[in-house]
Amino acid sequence: MITIDNIFGIFEEIRLLEDKLYLLELNNWLKNEFLTWEWWILVGFLVVPWIIWSKLVKRDIILEILLFGTIIIITTTLLDVVGLQYRFWDYPIAFLPIIPRALPFDFSMIPVAYMLLYQYFRTWKLFIIAQITMALTYAFIGEPFSEWVELVYYFEWRYSYSFIYYIIVGIGTRALILKLASLSKIQDLTTK
């Protein structure tokens, strides 16, 4: 029979194993990942897109763009954690020894690209064309490059899945933001 004491005992045992695993991962990161040339690529992937974005962002719609990017970050990070958990892919080099392991991709490369598309391609037609171009570039050039330089290993994932993902997430997020923006404008009119 399962009792509360048994459950807490199991949780404590799991926690001890997780602590040991984290220490192993931290030691591996310090010895084999931190400051390697691949790690420096990740630094560039994290910093450079935000520098570009800061120079190009349209300040008059910055909140809308940041909301768009935040939703992309949340969605991408969630998918990344699920993909890691189910062993669709893995990241042999991490920017930091924490989850998400793909921090430069999830918090910089992907959302900044989406935000720039959202900013510059304001009609649906242009956005979809740009979105398909970005999806093709990221899925069939960026991801193979990342795999080639061993920043990611794909086990149960195909580039074509990423292509579809990039399109669905971009279109879905844009639709959501445009809907929220229209509701906000309606709200502004009713409060004046």
C-alpha atoms as a PDB file:
ATOM      1  CA  MET A   1       0.000   0.000   0.000  1.00  0.00           C
ATOM      2  CA  ILE A   2       1.245   3.450  -0.893  1.00  0.00           C
ATOM      3  CA  THR A   3       1.448   5.854   2.004  1.00  0.00           C
ATOM      4  CA  ILE A   4       2.417   9.490   2.296  1.00  0.00           C
ATOM      5  CA  ASP A   5       5.695   8.432   3.895  1.00  0.00           C
ATOM      6  CA  ASN A   6       6.445   6.177   0.909  1.00  0.00           C
ATOM      7  CA  ILE A   7       5.696   8.987  -1.524  1.00  0.00           C
ATOM      8  CA  PHE A   8       7.940  11.448   0.322  1.00  0.00           C
ATOM      9  CA  GLY A   9      10.654   8.811   0.539  1.00  0.00           C
ATOM     10  CA  ILE A  10      10.488   8.257  -3.206  1.00  0.00           C
ATOM     11  CA  PHE A  11      10.543  12.020  -3.842  1.00  0.00           C
ATOM     12  CA  GLU A  12      13.575  12.378  -1.602  1.00  0.00           C
ATOM     13  CA  GLU A  13      15.349   9.552  -3.418  1.00  0.00           C
ATOM     14  CA  ILE A  14      14.531  11.105  -6.793  1.00  0.00           C
ATOM     15  CA  ARG A  15      15.763  14.488  -5.585  1.00  0.00           C
ATOM     16  CA  LEU A  16      19.079  13.008  -4.441  1.00  0.00           C
ATOM     17  CA  LEU A  17      19.544  11.360  -7.842  1.00  0.00           C
ATOM     18  CA  GLU A  18      18.678  14.633  -9.594  1.00  0.00           C
ATOM     19  CA  ASP A  19      21.257  16.446  -7.453  1.00  0.00           C
ATOM     20  CA  LYS A  20      23.918  13.886  -8.390  1.00  0.00           C
ATOM     21  CA  LEU A  21      22.974  14.167 -12.052  1.00  0.00           C
ATOM     22  CA  TYR A  22      23.186  17.956 -11.927  1.00  0.00           C
ATOM     23  CA  LEU A  23      26.654  17.815 -10.370  1.00  0.00           C
ATOM     24  CA  LEU A  24      27.783  15.441 -13.120  1.00  0.00           C
ATOM     25  CA  GLU A  25      26.335  17.765 -15.757  1.00  0.00           C
ATOM     26  CA  LEU A  26      27.921  20.825 -14.147  1.00  0.00           C
ATOM     27  CA  ASN A  27      31.340  19.159 -13.992  1.00  0.00           C
ATOM     28  CA  ASN A  28      31.015  18.056 -17.610  1.00  0.00           C
ATOM     29  CA  TRP A  29      30.005  21.573 -18.648  1.00  0.00           C
ATOM     30  CA  LEU A  30      32.966  23.130 -16.859  1.00  0.00           C
ATOM     31  CA  LYS A  31      35.457  20.604 -18.258  1.00  0.00           C
ATOM     32  CA  ASN A  32      34.143  19.967 -21.768  1.00  0.00           C
ATOM     33  CA  GLU A  33      31.776  22.733 -22.867  1.00  0.00           C
ATOM     34  CA  PHE A  34      32.508  26.078 -21.237  1.00  0.00           C
ATOM     35  CA  LEU A  35      34.820  28.326 -23.310  1.00  0.00           C
ATOM     36  CA  THR A  36      35.133  25.853 -26.203  1.00  0.00           C
ATOM     37  CA  TRP A  37      34.861  27.252 -29.714  1.00  0.00           C
ATOM     38  CA  GLU A  38      31.310  25.857 -29.919  1.00  0.00           C
ATOM     39  CA  TRP A  39      30.451  27.674 -26.702  1.00  0.00           C
ATOM     40  CA  TRP A  40      31.699  30.923 -28.242  1.00  0.00           C
ATOM     41  CA  ILE A  41      29.423  30.329 -31.236  1.00  0.00           C
ATOM     42  CA  LEU A  42      26.551  30.100 -28.766  1.00  0.00           C
ATOM     43  CA  VAL A  43      27.645  33.393 -27.198  1.00  0.00           C
ATOM     44  CA  GLY A  44      27.462  34.979 -30.641  1.00  0.00           C
ATOM     45  CA  PHE A  45      24.070  33.381 -31.282  1.00  0.00           C
ATOM     46  CA  LEU A  46      22.826  34.877 -28.019  1.00  0.00           C
ATOM     47  CA  VAL A  47      24.265  38.396 -28.279  1.00  0.00           C
ATOM     48  CA  VAL A  48      24.454  39.353 -31.962  1.00  0.00           C
ATOM     49  CA  PRO A  49      20.733  39.026 -32.807  1.00  0.00           C
ATOM     50  CA  TRP A  50      19.776  41.325 -29.924  1.00  0.00           C
ATOM     51  CA  ILE A  51      22.336  43.909 -31.013  1.00  0.00           C
ATOM     52  CA  ILE A  52      20.871  43.827 -34.520  1.00  0.00           C
ATOM     53  CA  TRP A  53      17.345  43.967 -33.133  1.00  0.00           C
ATOM     54  CA  SER A  54      18.149  46.966 -30.922  1.00  0.00           C
ATOM     55  CA  LYS A  55      19.356  48.877 -33.977  1.00  0.00           C
ATOM     56  CA  LEU A  56      16.378  47.941 -36.168  1.00  0.00           C
ATOM     57  CA  VAL A  57      13.376  47.847 -33.838  1.00  0.00           C
ATOM     58  CA  LYS A  58      10.614  50.337 -34.517  1.00  0.00           C
ATOM     59  CA  ARG A  59      10.186  52.111 -31.219  1.00  0.00           C
ATOM     60  CA  ASP A  60       6.576  53.123 -31.876  1.00  0.00           C
ATOM     61  CA  ILE A  61       5.411  49.485 -31.829  1.00  0.00           C
ATOM     62  CA  ILE A  62       8.045  48.075 -29.491  1.00  0.00           C
ATOM     63  CA  LEU A  63       5.555  46.706 -26.946  1.00  0.00           C
ATOM     64  CA  GLU A  64       3.665  44.844 -29.644  1.00  0.00           C
ATOM     65  CA  ILE A  65       6.917  43.459 -31.045  1.00  0.00           C
ATOM     66  CA  LEU A  66       8.166  42.429 -27.609  1.00  0.00           C
ATOM     67  CA  LEU A  67       4.872  40.691 -26.846  1.00  0.00           C
ATOM     68  CA  PHE A  68       5.203  38.832 -30.134  1.00  0.00           C
ATOM     69  CA  GLY A  69       8.778  37.847 -29.249  1.00  0.00           C
ATOM     70  CA  THR A  70       7.848  36.806 -25.728  1.00  0.00           C
ATOM     71  CA  ILE A  71       5.182  34.441 -27.014  1.00  0.00           C
ATOM     72  CA  ILE A  72       7.725  33.000 -29.447  1.00  0.00           C
ATOM     73  CA  ILE A  73      10.239  32.542 -26.603  1.00  0.00           C
ATOM     74  CA  ILE A  74       7.681  30.756 -24.431  1.00  0.00           C
ATOM     75  CA  THR A  75       6.510  28.515 -27.265  1.00  0.00           C
ATOM     76  CA  THR A  76      10.005  27.678 -28.470  1.00  0.00           C
ATOM     77  CA  THR A  77      11.317  27.005 -24.979  1.00  0.00           C
ATOM     78  CA  LEU A  78       8.358  24.764 -24.175  1.00  0.00           C
ATOM     79  CA  LEU A  79       8.856  22.764 -27.366  1.00  0.00           C
ATOM     80  CA  ASP A  80      12.573  22.565 -26.672  1.00  0.00           C
ATOM     81  CA  VAL A  81      12.067  21.176 -23.172  1.00  0.00           C
ATOM     82  CA  VAL A  82       9.542  18.626 -24.460  1.00  0.00           C
ATOM     83  CA  GLY A  83      11.879  17.628 -27.296  1.00  0.00           C
ATOM     84  CA  LEU A  84      14.754  17.137 -24.877  1.00  0.00           C
ATOM     85  CA  GLN A  85      12.595  15.181 -22.452  1.00  0.00           C
ATOM     86  CA  TYR A  86      11.394  12.803 -25.161  1.00  0.00           C
ATOM     87  CA  ARG A  87      14.851  12.540 -26.758  1.00  0.00           C
ATOM     88  CA  PHE A  88      13.915  14.036 -30.115  1.00  0.00           C
ATOM     89  CA  TRP A  89      17.163  15.996 -29.901  1.00  0.00           C
ATOM     90  CA  ASP A  90      19.951  16.922 -27.539  1.00  0.00           C
ATOM     91  CA  TYR A  91      22.455  19.736 -27.162  1.00  0.00           C
ATOM     92  CA  PRO A  92      25.996  18.503 -26.537  1.00  0.00           C
ATOM     93  CA  ILE A  93      27.170  22.058 -25.828  1.00  0.00           C
ATOM     94  CA  ALA A  94      25.154  24.323 -23.562  1.00  0.00           C
ATOM     95  CA  PHE A  95      25.553  28.036 -23.050  1.00  0.00           C
ATOM     96  CA  LEU A  96      24.789  27.506 -19.360  1.00  0.00           C
ATOM     97  CA  PRO A  97      24.403  24.222 -17.473  1.00  0.00           C
ATOM     98  CA  ILE A  98      20.676  24.775 -17.003  1.00  0.00           C
ATOM     99  CA  ILE A  99      17.434  24.006 -18.755  1.00  0.00           C
ATOM    100  CA  PRO A 100      16.754  25.123 -21.434  1.00  0.00           C
ATOM    101  CA  ARG A 101      20.051  23.973 -22.871  1.00  0.00           C
ATOM    102  CA  ALA A 102      19.363  25.821 -26.112  1.00  0.00           C
ATOM    103  CA  LEU A 103      19.146  29.252 -24.518  1.00  0.00           C
ATOM    104  CA  PRO A 104      20.780  31.146 -27.429  1.00  0.00           C
ATOM    105  CA  PHE A 105      18.349  29.580 -29.891  1.00  0.00           C
ATOM    106  CA  ASP A 106      15.225  29.826 -27.723  1.00  0.00           C
ATOM    107  CA  PHE A 107      15.854  33.327 -26.365  1.00  0.00           C
ATOM    108  CA  SER A 108      17.676  35.008 -29.228  1.00  0.00           C
ATOM    109  CA  MET A 109      18.116  33.484 -32.687  1.00  0.00           C
ATOM    110  CA  ILE A 110      14.531  32.362 -33.160  1.00  0.00           C
ATOM    111  CA  PRO A 111      12.527  35.118 -31.432  1.00  0.00           C
ATOM    112  CA  VAL A 112      14.589  37.972 -32.866  1.00  0.00           C
ATOM    113  CA  ALA A 113      14.088  36.654 -36.396  1.00  0.00           C
ATOM    114  CA  TYR A 114      10.355  36.361 -35.796  1.00  0.00           C
ATOM    115  CA  MET A 115      10.161  39.864 -34.313  1.00  0.00           C
ATOM    116  CA  LEU A 116      11.925  41.357 -37.306  1.00  0.00           C
ATOM    117  CA  LEU A 117       9.543  39.555 -39.650  1.00  0.00           C
ATOM    118  CA  TYR A 118       6.592  40.814 -37.652  1.00  0.00           C
ATOM    119  CA  GLN A 119       7.928  44.353 -37.737  1.00  0.00           C
ATOM    120  CA  TYR A 120       8.848  44.593 -41.409  1.00  0.00           C
ATOM    121  CA  PHE A 121       6.199  42.459 -43.108  1.00  0.00           C
ATOM    122  CA  ARG A 122       2.940  44.009 -41.967  1.00  0.00           C
ATOM    123  CA  THR A 123       0.520  42.444 -44.461  1.00  0.00           C
ATOM    124  CA  TRP A 124      -0.440  38.789 -44.270  1.00  0.00           C
ATOM    125  CA  LYS A 125       0.780  38.085 -47.777  1.00  0.00           C
ATOM    126  CA  LEU A 126       4.236  39.568 -47.199  1.00  0.00           C
ATOM    127  CA  PHE A 127       4.469  38.031 -43.738  1.00  0.00           C
ATOM    128  CA  ILE A 128       3.679  34.540 -45.020  1.00  0.00           C
ATOM    129  CA  ILE A 129       6.216  34.848 -47.838  1.00  0.00           C
ATOM    130  CA  ALA A 130       8.857  36.070 -45.379  1.00  0.00           C
ATOM    131  CA  GLN A 131       7.831  33.389 -42.883  1.00  0.00           C
ATOM    132  CA  ILE A 132       8.273  30.625 -45.446  1.00  0.00           C
ATOM    133  CA  THR A 133      11.663  32.067 -46.408  1.00  0.00           C
ATOM    134  CA  MET A 134      12.742  32.176 -42.762  1.00  0.00           C
ATOM    135  CA  ALA A 135      11.437  28.655 -42.141  1.00  0.00           C
ATOM    136  CA  LEU A 136      13.325  27.329 -45.163  1.00  0.00           C
ATOM    137  CA  THR A 137      16.504  29.098 -44.084  1.00  0.00           C
ATOM    138  CA  TYR A 138      16.350  28.020 -40.452  1.00  0.00           C
ATOM    139  CA  ALA A 139      15.144  24.461 -41.057  1.00  0.00           C
ATOM    140  CA  PHE A 140      17.293  23.545 -44.042  1.00  0.00           C
ATOM    141  CA  ILE A 141      20.400  25.714 -43.589  1.00  0.00           C
ATOM    142  CA  GLY A 142      20.592  26.817 -39.939  1.00  0.00           C
ATOM    143  CA  GLU A 143      19.697  23.508 -38.344  1.00  0.00           C
ATOM    144  CA  PRO A 144      21.984  21.402 -40.555  1.00  0.00           C
ATOM    145  CA  PHE A 145      24.792  23.872 -39.812  1.00  0.00           C
ATOM    146  CA  SER A 146      24.101  23.607 -36.078  1.00  0.00           C
ATOM    147  CA  GLU A 147      24.136  19.840 -36.344  1.00  0.00           C
ATOM    148  CA  TRP A 148      27.333  19.910 -38.417  1.00  0.00           C
ATOM    149  CA  VAL A 149      29.188  21.981 -35.791  1.00  0.00           C
ATOM    150  CA  GLU A 150      27.689  19.696 -33.132  1.00  0.00           C
ATOM    151  CA  LEU A 151      25.566  22.252 -31.325  1.00  0.00           C
ATOM    152  CA  VAL A 152      22.590  19.907 -31.622  1.00  0.00           C
ATOM    153  CA  TYR A 153      21.983  16.219 -32.302  1.00  0.00           C
ATOM    154  CA  TYR A 154      18.686  15.142 -33.830  1.00  0.00           C
ATOM    155  CA  PHE A 155      17.484  11.666 -32.910  1.00  0.00           C
ATOM    156  CA  GLU A 156      13.781  11.582 -33.704  1.00  0.00           C
ATOM    157  CA  TRP A 157      13.402  14.922 -35.450  1.00  0.00           C
ATOM    158  CA  ARG A 158      13.552  15.946 -39.081  1.00  0.00           C
ATOM    159  CA  TYR A 159      14.281  19.334 -40.598  1.00  0.00           C
ATOM    160  CA  SER A 160      10.900  19.204 -42.307  1.00  0.00           C
ATOM    161  CA  TYR A 161       9.211  19.100 -38.881  1.00  0.00           C
ATOM    162  CA  SER A 162      11.033  22.290 -37.964  1.00  0.00           C
ATOM    163  CA  PHE A 163       9.985  23.895 -41.236  1.00  0.00           C
ATOM    164  CA  ILE A 164       6.335  23.236 -40.433  1.00  0.00           C
ATOM    165  CA  TYR A 165       6.811  24.306 -36.810  1.00  0.00           C
ATOM    166  CA  TYR A 166       8.365  27.647 -37.783  1.00  0.00           C
ATOM    167  CA  ILE A 167       5.468  28.437 -40.098  1.00  0.00           C
ATOM    168  CA  ILE A 168       2.710  27.393 -37.694  1.00  0.00           C
ATOM    169  CA  VAL A 169       4.218  29.244 -34.745  1.00  0.00           C
ATOM    170  CA  GLY A 170       4.830  32.405 -36.754  1.00  0.00           C
ATOM    171  CA  ILE A 171       1.373  32.535 -38.280  1.00  0.00           C
ATOM    172  CA  GLY A 172      -0.363  31.541 -35.050  1.00  0.00           C
ATOM    173  CA  THR A 173       1.510  34.098 -32.984  1.00  0.00           C
ATOM    174  CA  ARG A 174       0.923  36.861 -35.520  1.00  0.00           C
ATOM    175  CA  ALA A 175      -2.801  36.082 -35.581  1.00  0.00           C
ATOM    176  CA  LEU A 176      -2.917  36.200 -31.785  1.00  0.00           C
ATOM    177  CA  ILE A 177      -1.021  39.496 -31.560  1.00  0.00           C
ATOM    178  CA  LEU A 178      -3.148  41.140 -34.249  1.00  0.00           C
ATOM    179  CA  LYS A 179      -6.288  40.016 -32.427  1.00  0.00           C
ATOM    180  CA  LEU A 180      -4.977  41.371 -29.127  1.00  0.00           C
ATOM    181  CA  ALA A 181      -3.962  44.636 -30.811  1.00  0.00           C
ATOM    182  CA  SER A 182      -7.430  45.029 -32.308  1.00  0.00           C
ATOM    183  CA  LEU A 183      -9.037  44.365 -28.922  1.00  0.00           C
ATOM    184  CA  SER A 184      -6.729  46.931 -27.372  1.00  0.00           C
ATOM    185  CA  LYS A 185      -7.767  49.534 -29.957  1.00  0.00           C
ATOM    186  CA  ILE A 186     -11.440  48.788 -29.310  1.00  0.00           C
ATOM    187  CA  GLN A 187     -10.788  49.147 -25.572  1.00  0.00           C
ATOM    188  CA  ASP A 188      -9.029  52.488 -26.146  1.00  0.00           C
ATOM    189  CA  LEU A 189     -12.015  53.805 -28.105  1.00  0.00           C
ATOM    190  CA  THR A 190     -14.530  52.781 -25.449  1.00  0.00           C
ATOM    191  CA  THR A 191     -12.600  54.404 -22.601  1.00  0.00           C
ATOM    192  CA  LYS A 192     -12.268  57.794 -24.312  1.00  0.00           C
END
